[in-house]
Amino acid sequence: MSTVLDQDYLAKRQLKRGTAGWLLLAGLGVSYVISGDFAGWNFGIAEAGWGGFVIAAVLMGLMYLTLVLSLAEMSAAIPAAGGGYSFARQAMGPAGGFLTGLAVLIEYVLAPAAIVIFIGAAVESLLGVNGPVIYALFYIIFIGIHLAGVGEALKVMMVISALAVLAILGTAIALLGDFNAALLFDIEPTQAVGASPFLPFGWYGVWAALPFAMWLFLAVEGVPLAAEEAKNPAKDVPKGIIVAMIFLLFTAALMVIILAGVTGSKALGSSTVPLVDALNAAHKPLLATMVNVLALAGLIASFFSIIYGYSRLVFALSRTGYLPQSLSLTNTRKVPARALIIPGIFGFLASLTGEGDLMLAMAVVGATVSYALMSLSHILLRLNHPEMPRPYKTPGGIFTSGLSLILSLVALTGVYAYDPRAFMYTLVLFALGAAYFFGYSRNHLVAKTPEEEFSMLAQAETA
């Protein structure tokens, strides 16, 4: 930690403050996740049946809700662009901060790579073209919009997200009259332990369905990454992330209950376009075509917003010296251009494998590890820093974050139950990242504590 922050260093590494209010932040939270409502989660029904998936979804909804309430407190107390990494650094020191940041980075770089593969498939179904050129085109266009400035990017994101939300709400309303509760339980029970009409694949199915249930909420934890660009971080970030989570719980309930009650759980468990298939099953082909087009908006919304998320995380990790310091340089619009472009190149190269499902599973491993570390950070900050100003306090305190910690560890084992290959590949990435930190970057950090960084940043802004 030999390098000391100075005003000139930080003057070249500043984001545009006062851009996002709580409504834009709530929109960002919904945008991160919204593609998960359109497809992917439903494969969990094939693992657990409808009843088993409902149990998995309730558990994961509870995990995300308790995590979000914990993050709301920490984001108000430590309003930094690093989000969870900054909280962990404060609670567990440089090593804990890096491992948390690395876990989130794995999630946020691999998720867009997976999503762009799904975007390519959607474009192919609509226009008949797909492949690396389509992947590159989407990366170039949406990184380009981000380079124009955070205000412009977030407004574009809100419009795209609104179209996706319209498709979800419109589908739910259109299908209400066709709901048939008997179709929820049309999968025959197996011989598995605990199997029943409600749990046709037994309790093991619930375990294996946990990663799919996460898709209904995955990445909402990224809202605090926008803290340094919020108008009033202490109020806007907690309000934004909590409102986003409540809305996502609502849309998740709509999708899980209504679609299965129209399509049937057996058919829904293998559907690649569950909203479209449900509308076709209800004999609404025109609306199905419209929703098929708007589903692309949902994929784009998540792709676009997670690009924003990884850029702010890389910016924060770089500014402190965990990653090469040049990645945190900002341009005249106060946009971290290199933090947008360089991870985008890695994401594009990963997309060329075509292994979208594998990369999403690896992203879920990174996510669950980060959730456990962020939950632990909340507990440690409550115990070791009771004097820290907390404009927002988590209801239930460490009981709430303790529940989040336990459920995140359970979710992590669920990924192993479903896809051991993704679990092991992600461990390899963690090992490489840890080797980089302990072998190099821990000796090149530019601030001993978050407080030192925040103090110098405040001085640089007023200079």
Protein backbone atom coordinates (compact mmCIF):
# COMPACT_ATOMS: atom_id res chain seq x y z
CA MET A 1 0.00 0.00 0.00
CA SER A 2 2.83 2.33 -0.84
CA THR A 3 0.97 4.68 -3.17
CA VAL A 4 -0.99 7.54 -1.62
CA LEU A 5 -4.10 9.04 -3.21
CA ASP A 6 -3.76 12.65 -4.31
CA GLN A 7 -6.16 15.15 -5.78
CA ASP A 8 -4.72 14.96 -9.30
CA TYR A 9 -5.11 11.16 -9.33
CA LEU A 10 -8.74 11.36 -8.24
CA ALA A 11 -9.56 14.37 -10.44
CA LYS A 12 -9.06 12.07 -13.44
CA ARG A 13 -11.27 9.39 -11.88
CA GLN A 14 -14.61 11.00 -11.05
CA LEU A 15 -18.13 10.03 -12.01
CA LYS A 16 -20.94 12.48 -12.74
CA ARG A 17 -22.69 13.08 -9.45
CA GLY A 18 -26.34 13.99 -8.98
CA THR A 19 -27.54 12.18 -12.10
CA ALA A 20 -29.87 9.49 -10.74
CA GLY A 21 -32.79 9.87 -8.34
CA TRP A 22 -34.50 6.95 -6.61
CA LEU A 23 -36.88 6.32 -9.51
CA LEU A 24 -34.03 5.88 -12.02
CA LEU A 25 -32.24 3.65 -9.50
CA ALA A 26 -35.36 1.53 -9.06
CA GLY A 27 -35.58 1.30 -12.85
CA LEU A 28 -31.94 0.23 -12.93
CA GLY A 29 -32.67 -2.54 -10.42
CA VAL A 30 -35.62 -3.81 -12.47
CA SER A 31 -33.62 -3.53 -15.69
CA TYR A 32 -30.79 -5.67 -14.29
CA VAL A 33 -33.22 -8.52 -13.70
CA ILE A 34 -36.10 -8.21 -16.17
CA SER A 35 -34.78 -10.63 -18.80
CA GLY A 36 -35.01 -13.39 -16.18
CA ASP A 37 -38.81 -13.06 -16.17
CA PHE A 38 -38.98 -13.88 -19.88
CA ALA A 39 -37.13 -17.20 -19.88
CA GLY A 40 -34.78 -19.46 -17.96
CA TRP A 41 -36.50 -19.59 -14.58
CA ASN A 42 -39.12 -21.98 -15.95
CA PHE A 43 -36.55 -24.74 -16.47
CA GLY A 44 -36.62 -25.04 -12.69
CA ILE A 45 -40.13 -26.49 -13.00
CA ALA A 46 -38.62 -29.35 -15.01
CA GLU A 47 -36.27 -29.98 -12.07
CA ALA A 48 -38.79 -29.68 -9.23
CA GLY A 49 -42.35 -29.55 -10.56
CA TRP A 50 -44.51 -26.51 -9.94
CA GLY A 51 -44.81 -26.96 -6.18
CA GLY A 52 -41.10 -27.62 -5.77
CA PHE A 53 -40.23 -24.60 -7.85
CA VAL A 54 -42.58 -22.40 -5.81
CA ILE A 55 -40.72 -23.46 -2.65
CA ALA A 56 -37.39 -22.71 -4.35
CA ALA A 57 -38.68 -19.33 -5.57
CA VAL A 58 -39.97 -18.38 -2.09
CA LEU A 59 -36.60 -19.26 -0.56
CA MET A 60 -34.68 -17.29 -3.16
CA GLY A 61 -37.12 -14.38 -2.95
CA LEU A 62 -36.52 -14.32 0.80
CA MET A 63 -32.76 -14.48 0.24
CA TYR A 64 -32.83 -11.52 -2.13
CA LEU A 65 -35.21 -9.50 0.05
CA THR A 66 -33.04 -9.92 3.16
CA LEU A 67 -29.91 -9.21 1.09
CA VAL A 68 -31.46 -6.07 -0.39
CA LEU A 69 -32.48 -4.79 3.06
CA SER A 70 -28.90 -5.38 4.25
CA LEU A 71 -27.43 -3.65 1.18
CA ALA A 72 -29.79 -0.71 1.67
CA GLU A 73 -28.21 0.01 5.05
CA MET A 74 -24.63 -0.41 3.85
CA SER A 75 -25.17 1.64 0.68
CA ALA A 76 -26.53 4.55 2.72
CA ALA A 77 -23.58 4.36 5.15
CA ILE A 78 -20.89 3.73 2.49
CA PRO A 79 -22.09 5.38 -0.77
CA ALA A 80 -19.31 4.17 -3.09
CA ALA A 81 -19.34 3.06 -6.74
CA GLY A 82 -17.94 -0.33 -5.71
CA GLY A 83 -21.18 -1.40 -4.07
CA GLY A 84 -20.74 -4.73 -2.30
CA TYR A 85 -16.98 -4.70 -2.75
CA SER A 86 -16.75 -1.40 -0.85
CA PHE A 87 -18.89 -2.76 1.98
CA ALA A 88 -16.77 -5.90 2.27
CA ARG A 89 -13.55 -3.90 2.18
CA GLN A 90 -14.76 -1.81 5.09
CA ALA A 91 -15.81 -4.90 7.06
CA MET A 92 -13.10 -7.43 6.17
CA GLY A 93 -10.14 -5.47 4.86
CA PRO A 94 -8.42 -5.55 1.45
CA ALA A 95 -8.55 -9.33 0.94
CA GLY A 96 -12.25 -9.58 1.80
CA GLY A 97 -12.97 -6.59 -0.41
CA PHE A 98 -11.14 -8.07 -3.37
CA LEU A 99 -12.75 -11.51 -3.12
CA THR A 100 -16.20 -9.91 -2.94
CA GLY A 101 -15.40 -7.66 -5.88
CA LEU A 102 -14.06 -10.61 -7.85
CA ALA A 103 -17.24 -12.61 -7.20
CA VAL A 104 -19.43 -9.74 -8.44
CA LEU A 105 -17.10 -9.21 -11.41
CA ILE A 106 -17.45 -12.86 -12.47
CA GLU A 107 -21.23 -12.47 -12.33
CA TYR A 108 -21.34 -9.13 -14.16
CA VAL A 109 -18.91 -9.97 -16.96
CA LEU A 110 -20.27 -13.45 -17.71
CA ALA A 111 -23.96 -12.55 -17.50
CA PRO A 112 -23.92 -10.10 -20.47
CA ALA A 113 -21.91 -12.63 -22.48
CA ALA A 114 -24.63 -15.20 -21.85
CA ILE A 115 -27.45 -12.73 -22.47
CA VAL A 116 -26.00 -11.60 -25.82
CA ILE A 117 -26.10 -15.23 -26.96
CA PHE A 118 -29.80 -15.33 -26.10
CA ILE A 119 -30.24 -11.97 -27.86
CA GLY A 120 -28.66 -13.51 -30.94
CA ALA A 121 -31.14 -16.39 -30.83
CA ALA A 122 -34.03 -13.93 -30.51
CA VAL A 123 -32.75 -11.86 -33.44
CA GLU A 124 -32.43 -15.05 -35.49
CA SER A 125 -36.06 -15.97 -34.81
CA LEU A 126 -37.18 -12.50 -35.89
CA LEU A 127 -34.76 -11.64 -38.72
CA GLY A 128 -32.99 -14.88 -39.58
CA VAL A 129 -29.46 -13.66 -38.71
CA ASN A 130 -27.21 -14.61 -35.81
CA GLY A 131 -23.60 -15.21 -34.82
CA PRO A 132 -20.51 -13.23 -33.74
CA VAL A 133 -21.41 -10.22 -35.89
CA ILE A 134 -24.71 -9.82 -33.99
CA TYR A 135 -22.92 -10.22 -30.64
CA ALA A 136 -20.33 -7.61 -31.59
CA LEU A 137 -22.98 -5.23 -32.90
CA PHE A 138 -24.94 -5.28 -29.63
CA TYR A 139 -21.81 -4.79 -27.53
CA ILE A 140 -20.69 -1.87 -29.73
CA ILE A 141 -24.10 -0.14 -29.78
CA PHE A 142 -24.82 -0.36 -26.08
CA ILE A 143 -21.32 0.37 -24.86
CA GLY A 144 -21.47 3.35 -27.24
CA ILE A 145 -24.65 4.62 -25.58
CA HIS A 146 -22.98 4.34 -22.18
CA LEU A 147 -20.01 6.32 -23.48
CA ALA A 148 -22.40 9.20 -24.28
CA GLY A 149 -22.97 9.77 -20.57
CA VAL A 150 -24.68 8.19 -17.57
CA GLY A 151 -27.78 10.39 -17.74
CA GLU A 152 -28.41 9.53 -21.37
CA ALA A 153 -27.72 5.83 -20.78
CA LEU A 154 -30.06 5.50 -17.81
CA LYS A 155 -32.89 7.23 -19.68
CA VAL A 156 -32.51 4.86 -22.65
CA MET A 157 -32.44 1.96 -20.20
CA MET A 158 -35.71 3.14 -18.60
CA VAL A 159 -37.48 3.22 -21.97
CA ILE A 160 -36.31 -0.29 -22.91
CA SER A 161 -37.20 -1.64 -19.47
CA ALA A 162 -40.66 -0.07 -19.63
CA LEU A 163 -41.37 -1.95 -22.87
CA ALA A 164 -40.31 -5.22 -21.24
CA VAL A 165 -42.44 -4.57 -18.15
CA LEU A 166 -45.40 -3.72 -20.41
CA ALA A 167 -45.04 -7.12 -22.08
CA ILE A 168 -45.02 -8.94 -18.71
CA LEU A 169 -47.99 -7.07 -17.24
CA GLY A 170 -49.95 -7.24 -20.52
CA THR A 171 -49.39 -11.00 -20.74
CA ALA A 172 -50.53 -11.54 -17.15
CA ILE A 173 -53.71 -9.53 -17.65
CA ALA A 174 -54.51 -11.23 -20.96
CA LEU A 175 -54.14 -14.72 -19.45
CA LEU A 176 -56.08 -14.27 -16.22
CA GLY A 177 -59.31 -15.59 -17.76
CA ASP A 178 -57.56 -18.74 -19.05
CA PHE A 179 -56.03 -19.79 -15.72
CA ASN A 180 -56.67 -23.42 -14.71
CA ALA A 181 -55.25 -24.49 -11.33
CA ALA A 182 -55.29 -28.18 -12.32
CA LEU A 183 -52.57 -27.51 -14.91
CA LEU A 184 -50.14 -26.56 -12.13
CA PHE A 185 -49.88 -30.21 -11.12
CA ASP A 186 -49.81 -32.06 -14.45
CA ILE A 187 -46.39 -33.68 -13.82
CA GLU A 188 -46.60 -37.26 -12.55
CA PRO A 189 -44.80 -37.92 -9.25
CA THR A 190 -41.56 -39.91 -9.53
CA GLN A 191 -40.04 -42.37 -7.06
CA ALA A 192 -37.79 -39.69 -5.55
CA VAL A 193 -37.64 -39.18 -1.79
CA GLY A 194 -40.55 -37.00 -0.69
CA ALA A 195 -42.26 -37.15 -4.09
CA SER A 196 -45.94 -36.17 -4.28
CA PRO A 197 -48.27 -34.42 -6.75
CA PHE A 198 -47.06 -31.13 -5.25
CA LEU A 199 -43.38 -32.22 -5.29
CA PRO A 200 -43.16 -34.68 -8.21
CA PHE A 201 -39.35 -34.82 -8.03
CA GLY A 202 -39.12 -34.76 -4.24
CA TRP A 203 -36.94 -32.52 -2.12
CA TYR A 204 -33.87 -33.03 -4.30
CA GLY A 205 -35.76 -31.24 -7.08
CA VAL A 206 -36.26 -28.20 -4.86
CA TRP A 207 -32.51 -28.10 -4.24
CA ALA A 208 -31.66 -28.37 -7.94
CA ALA A 209 -34.23 -25.68 -8.81
CA LEU A 210 -32.66 -23.00 -6.59
CA PRO A 211 -30.35 -21.59 -9.33
CA PHE A 212 -33.31 -21.21 -11.70
CA ALA A 213 -35.36 -19.43 -9.05
CA MET A 214 -32.49 -16.96 -8.71
CA TRP A 215 -33.00 -15.88 -12.33
CA LEU A 216 -36.16 -14.07 -11.20
CA PHE A 217 -34.00 -11.69 -9.11
CA LEU A 218 -30.38 -12.11 -10.26
CA ALA A 219 -28.32 -8.86 -10.33
CA VAL A 220 -30.74 -6.59 -8.43
CA GLU A 221 -27.92 -6.27 -5.90
CA GLY A 222 -26.11 -4.06 -8.42
CA VAL A 223 -28.13 -0.91 -7.62
CA PRO A 224 -25.53 0.36 -5.07
CA LEU A 225 -22.95 0.44 -7.89
CA ALA A 226 -24.65 3.70 -8.92
CA ALA A 227 -24.18 5.31 -5.49
CA GLU A 228 -21.62 7.91 -6.59
CA GLU A 229 -23.94 9.08 -9.38
CA ALA A 230 -27.06 9.33 -7.22
CA LYS A 231 -28.58 12.68 -6.29
CA ASN A 232 -28.84 11.79 -2.61
CA PRO A 233 -27.13 8.43 -2.07
CA ALA A 234 -28.16 8.03 1.57
CA LYS A 235 -31.85 8.18 0.62
CA ASP A 236 -32.03 7.37 -3.08
CA VAL A 237 -30.06 4.09 -3.14
CA PRO A 238 -31.95 2.35 -0.29
CA LYS A 239 -35.30 3.51 -1.65
CA GLY A 240 -34.41 2.56 -5.23
CA ILE A 241 -33.20 -0.96 -4.46
CA ILE A 242 -36.11 -1.75 -2.09
CA VAL A 243 -38.74 -0.50 -4.56
CA ALA A 244 -37.08 -2.53 -7.35
CA MET A 245 -37.10 -5.67 -5.19
CA ILE A 246 -40.78 -5.31 -4.26
CA PHE A 247 -41.71 -4.87 -7.92
CA LEU A 248 -39.64 -7.91 -8.93
CA LEU A 249 -41.35 -10.05 -6.30
CA PHE A 250 -44.66 -9.01 -7.84
CA THR A 251 -43.67 -9.85 -11.43
CA ALA A 252 -42.10 -13.15 -10.31
CA ALA A 253 -45.37 -14.19 -8.67
CA LEU A 254 -47.32 -13.28 -11.82
CA MET A 255 -45.07 -15.33 -14.08
CA VAL A 256 -44.74 -18.42 -11.87
CA ILE A 257 -48.44 -18.73 -11.09
CA ILE A 258 -50.23 -17.54 -14.22
CA LEU A 259 -48.03 -19.07 -16.95
CA ALA A 260 -48.05 -22.55 -15.41
CA GLY A 261 -51.81 -22.34 -14.95
CA VAL A 262 -52.30 -21.68 -18.66
CA THR A 263 -49.56 -23.69 -20.38
CA GLY A 264 -49.30 -26.51 -17.85
CA SER A 265 -46.24 -27.18 -15.73
CA LYS A 266 -44.98 -30.04 -17.91
CA ALA A 267 -44.93 -27.93 -21.08
CA LEU A 268 -43.70 -24.80 -19.30
CA GLY A 269 -40.69 -26.64 -17.87
CA SER A 270 -39.21 -27.11 -21.35
CA SER A 271 -40.31 -23.86 -23.00
CA THR A 272 -37.69 -21.50 -24.37
CA VAL A 273 -40.29 -18.71 -24.72
CA PRO A 274 -42.74 -19.26 -21.83
CA LEU A 275 -44.77 -16.06 -22.25
CA VAL A 276 -45.22 -16.67 -25.97
CA ASP A 277 -46.13 -20.33 -25.47
CA ALA A 278 -48.67 -19.41 -22.80
CA LEU A 279 -50.33 -16.86 -25.09
CA ASN A 280 -50.41 -19.36 -27.95
CA ALA A 281 -51.93 -21.97 -25.63
CA ALA A 282 -54.64 -19.42 -24.82
CA HIS A 283 -55.19 -18.82 -28.55
CA LYS A 284 -53.87 -15.25 -28.58
CA PRO A 285 -51.44 -15.41 -31.54
CA LEU A 286 -51.33 -11.65 -32.26
CA LEU A 287 -50.42 -10.80 -28.69
CA ALA A 288 -47.93 -13.68 -28.68
CA THR A 289 -46.15 -12.15 -31.68
CA MET A 290 -46.01 -8.74 -29.99
CA VAL A 291 -44.64 -10.23 -26.76
CA ASN A 292 -42.06 -12.20 -28.74
CA VAL A 293 -40.72 -8.91 -30.08
CA LEU A 294 -40.86 -7.22 -26.67
CA ALA A 295 -39.01 -10.16 -25.11
CA LEU A 296 -36.01 -8.91 -27.04
CA ALA A 297 -36.43 -5.60 -25.16
CA GLY A 298 -36.22 -7.53 -21.89
CA LEU A 299 -32.97 -9.20 -22.91
CA ILE A 300 -31.54 -5.90 -24.12
CA ALA A 301 -32.55 -4.13 -20.89
CA SER A 302 -30.60 -6.60 -18.75
CA PHE A 303 -27.68 -6.67 -21.17
CA PHE A 304 -27.52 -2.86 -21.24
CA SER A 305 -27.83 -2.34 -17.49
CA ILE A 306 -25.35 -5.05 -16.48
CA ILE A 307 -22.79 -3.42 -18.78
CA TYR A 308 -23.33 -0.29 -16.69
CA GLY A 309 -22.88 -2.36 -13.52
CA TYR A 310 -19.61 -4.01 -14.52
CA SER A 311 -18.16 -0.68 -15.66
CA ARG A 312 -18.77 0.94 -12.25
CA LEU A 313 -17.39 -2.09 -10.42
CA VAL A 314 -14.24 -2.21 -12.58
CA PHE A 315 -13.92 1.57 -12.14
CA ALA A 316 -14.04 1.26 -8.35
CA LEU A 317 -11.69 -1.74 -8.19
CA SER A 318 -9.23 0.03 -10.48
CA ARG A 319 -9.36 3.39 -8.67
CA THR A 320 -8.26 1.64 -5.48
CA GLY A 321 -5.57 -0.40 -7.23
CA TYR A 322 -7.11 -3.88 -7.12
CA LEU A 323 -7.16 -3.80 -10.93
CA PRO A 324 -4.80 -1.83 -13.23
CA GLN A 325 -5.24 1.86 -12.39
CA SER A 326 -5.67 2.95 -16.01
CA LEU A 327 -9.09 1.26 -16.10
CA SER A 328 -10.53 3.92 -13.77
CA LEU A 329 -9.70 6.94 -15.93
CA THR A 330 -12.84 8.89 -16.85
CA ASN A 331 -13.37 11.02 -19.97
CA THR A 332 -14.71 14.57 -20.30
CA ARG A 333 -18.25 13.26 -19.75
CA LYS A 334 -17.05 11.62 -16.52
CA VAL A 335 -17.62 8.17 -17.98
CA PRO A 336 -15.12 5.34 -17.23
CA ALA A 337 -14.54 4.50 -20.90
CA ARG A 338 -11.89 1.84 -20.41
CA ALA A 339 -13.93 0.14 -17.69
CA LEU A 340 -16.75 -0.12 -20.24
CA ILE A 341 -14.70 -1.29 -23.22
CA ILE A 342 -12.11 -3.73 -21.81
CA PRO A 343 -14.54 -6.03 -19.92
CA GLY A 344 -16.84 -5.78 -22.96
CA ILE A 345 -14.08 -7.25 -25.11
CA PHE A 346 -13.64 -10.13 -22.66
CA GLY A 347 -17.41 -10.64 -22.58
CA PHE A 348 -17.60 -10.71 -26.38
CA LEU A 349 -14.80 -13.29 -26.56
CA ALA A 350 -16.62 -15.42 -23.97
CA SER A 351 -19.82 -15.20 -26.02
CA LEU A 352 -18.04 -16.81 -28.98
CA THR A 353 -18.11 -20.12 -27.09
CA GLY A 354 -21.89 -20.19 -27.49
CA GLU A 355 -22.15 -21.68 -23.98
CA GLY A 356 -24.83 -19.32 -22.69
CA ASP A 357 -26.26 -21.73 -20.11
CA LEU A 358 -22.81 -22.56 -18.72
CA MET A 359 -21.87 -18.89 -18.37
CA LEU A 360 -25.14 -18.08 -16.63
CA ALA A 361 -24.53 -20.93 -14.19
CA MET A 362 -21.02 -19.62 -13.54
CA ALA A 363 -22.45 -16.12 -13.03
CA VAL A 364 -24.82 -17.59 -10.43
CA VAL A 365 -21.85 -19.16 -8.58
CA GLY A 366 -20.11 -15.79 -8.49
CA ALA A 367 -23.34 -14.15 -7.36
CA THR A 368 -24.00 -16.54 -4.47
CA VAL A 369 -20.43 -16.21 -3.19
CA SER A 370 -20.77 -12.41 -3.27
CA TYR A 371 -24.13 -12.58 -1.46
CA ALA A 372 -22.59 -14.60 1.37
CA LEU A 373 -19.68 -12.16 1.68
CA MET A 374 -21.92 -9.08 1.53
CA SER A 375 -24.26 -10.53 4.15
CA LEU A 376 -21.28 -11.31 6.37
CA SER A 377 -20.07 -7.73 5.84
CA HIS A 378 -23.35 -6.38 7.20
CA ILE A 379 -23.03 -8.56 10.30
CA LEU A 380 -19.41 -7.53 10.91
CA LEU A 381 -20.13 -3.83 10.39
CA ARG A 382 -23.00 -4.00 12.89
CA LEU A 383 -20.81 -5.80 15.45
CA ASN A 384 -17.49 -3.98 14.94
CA HIS A 385 -18.64 -0.50 13.87
CA PRO A 386 -21.81 0.27 15.84
CA GLU A 387 -20.91 3.96 15.79
CA MET A 388 -21.04 4.20 11.97
CA PRO A 389 -23.72 6.69 10.80
CA ARG A 390 -26.57 4.71 9.26
CA PRO A 391 -29.17 6.91 7.53
CA TYR A 392 -31.16 3.72 6.85
CA LYS A 393 -31.18 0.72 9.19
CA THR A 394 -32.00 -2.82 8.12
CA PRO A 395 -35.19 -4.11 9.80
CA GLY A 396 -34.19 -7.04 11.99
CA GLY A 397 -30.51 -6.10 11.99
CA ILE A 398 -28.08 -9.01 11.90
CA PHE A 399 -30.92 -11.54 12.04
CA THR A 400 -31.95 -10.34 8.57
CA SER A 401 -28.43 -10.46 7.13
CA GLY A 402 -27.81 -13.78 8.93
CA LEU A 403 -30.80 -15.27 7.10
CA SER A 404 -29.43 -13.92 3.83
CA LEU A 405 -26.03 -15.48 4.60
CA ILE A 406 -27.51 -18.92 5.30
CA LEU A 407 -29.75 -18.90 2.23
CA SER A 408 -26.93 -17.73 -0.07
CA LEU A 409 -24.77 -20.67 1.06
CA VAL A 410 -27.69 -23.05 0.44
CA ALA A 411 -28.14 -21.50 -3.03
CA LEU A 412 -24.43 -22.02 -3.74
CA THR A 413 -24.78 -25.75 -3.07
CA GLY A 414 -27.81 -25.77 -5.38
CA VAL A 415 -25.62 -24.68 -8.29
CA TYR A 416 -23.35 -27.63 -7.61
CA ALA A 417 -26.37 -29.95 -7.55
CA TYR A 418 -27.47 -28.71 -10.96
CA ASP A 419 -24.17 -28.09 -12.78
CA PRO A 420 -20.91 -29.25 -11.10
CA ARG A 421 -18.96 -28.19 -14.18
CA ALA A 422 -19.97 -24.53 -13.77
CA PHE A 423 -19.11 -24.73 -10.08
CA MET A 424 -15.59 -26.04 -10.76
CA TYR A 425 -14.88 -23.62 -13.63
CA THR A 426 -15.83 -20.69 -11.41
CA LEU A 427 -13.53 -21.95 -8.66
CA VAL A 428 -10.71 -21.85 -11.22
CA LEU A 429 -11.51 -18.18 -11.92
CA PHE A 430 -11.45 -17.46 -8.18
CA ALA A 431 -8.08 -19.20 -7.86
CA LEU A 432 -6.62 -17.13 -10.71
CA GLY A 433 -8.02 -13.93 -9.23
CA ALA A 434 -6.70 -14.74 -5.76
CA ALA A 435 -3.25 -15.47 -7.21
CA TYR A 436 -3.28 -12.06 -8.93
CA PHE A 437 -4.28 -10.27 -5.72
CA PHE A 438 -1.90 -11.97 -3.32
CA GLY A 439 0.94 -12.04 -5.83
CA TYR A 440 0.63 -8.48 -7.13
CA SER A 441 -2.22 -6.07 -6.50
CA ARG A 442 -2.28 -6.14 -2.70
CA ASN A 443 1.13 -4.44 -2.85
CA HIS A 444 -0.14 -1.72 -5.20
CA LEU A 445 -3.31 -0.51 -3.48
CA VAL A 446 -3.73 3.27 -3.52
CA ALA A 447 -5.69 3.71 -0.30
CA LYS A 448 -5.27 2.00 3.06
CA THR A 449 -8.92 2.38 4.01
CA PRO A 450 -12.21 3.37 2.33
CA GLU A 451 -12.32 6.42 4.62
CA GLU A 452 -9.00 7.65 3.20
CA GLU A 453 -10.31 7.23 -0.35
CA PHE A 454 -13.62 9.01 0.38
CA SER A 455 -11.88 11.89 2.13
CA MET A 456 -9.47 12.50 -0.73
CA LEU A 457 -12.27 12.13 -3.28
CA ALA A 458 -14.29 14.82 -1.49
CA GLN A 459 -11.27 17.12 -1.52
CA ALA A 460 -10.67 16.48 -5.22
CA GLU A 461 -14.31 17.35 -6.02
CA THR A 462 -14.15 20.69 -4.24
CA ALA A 463 -10.71 21.63 -5.56
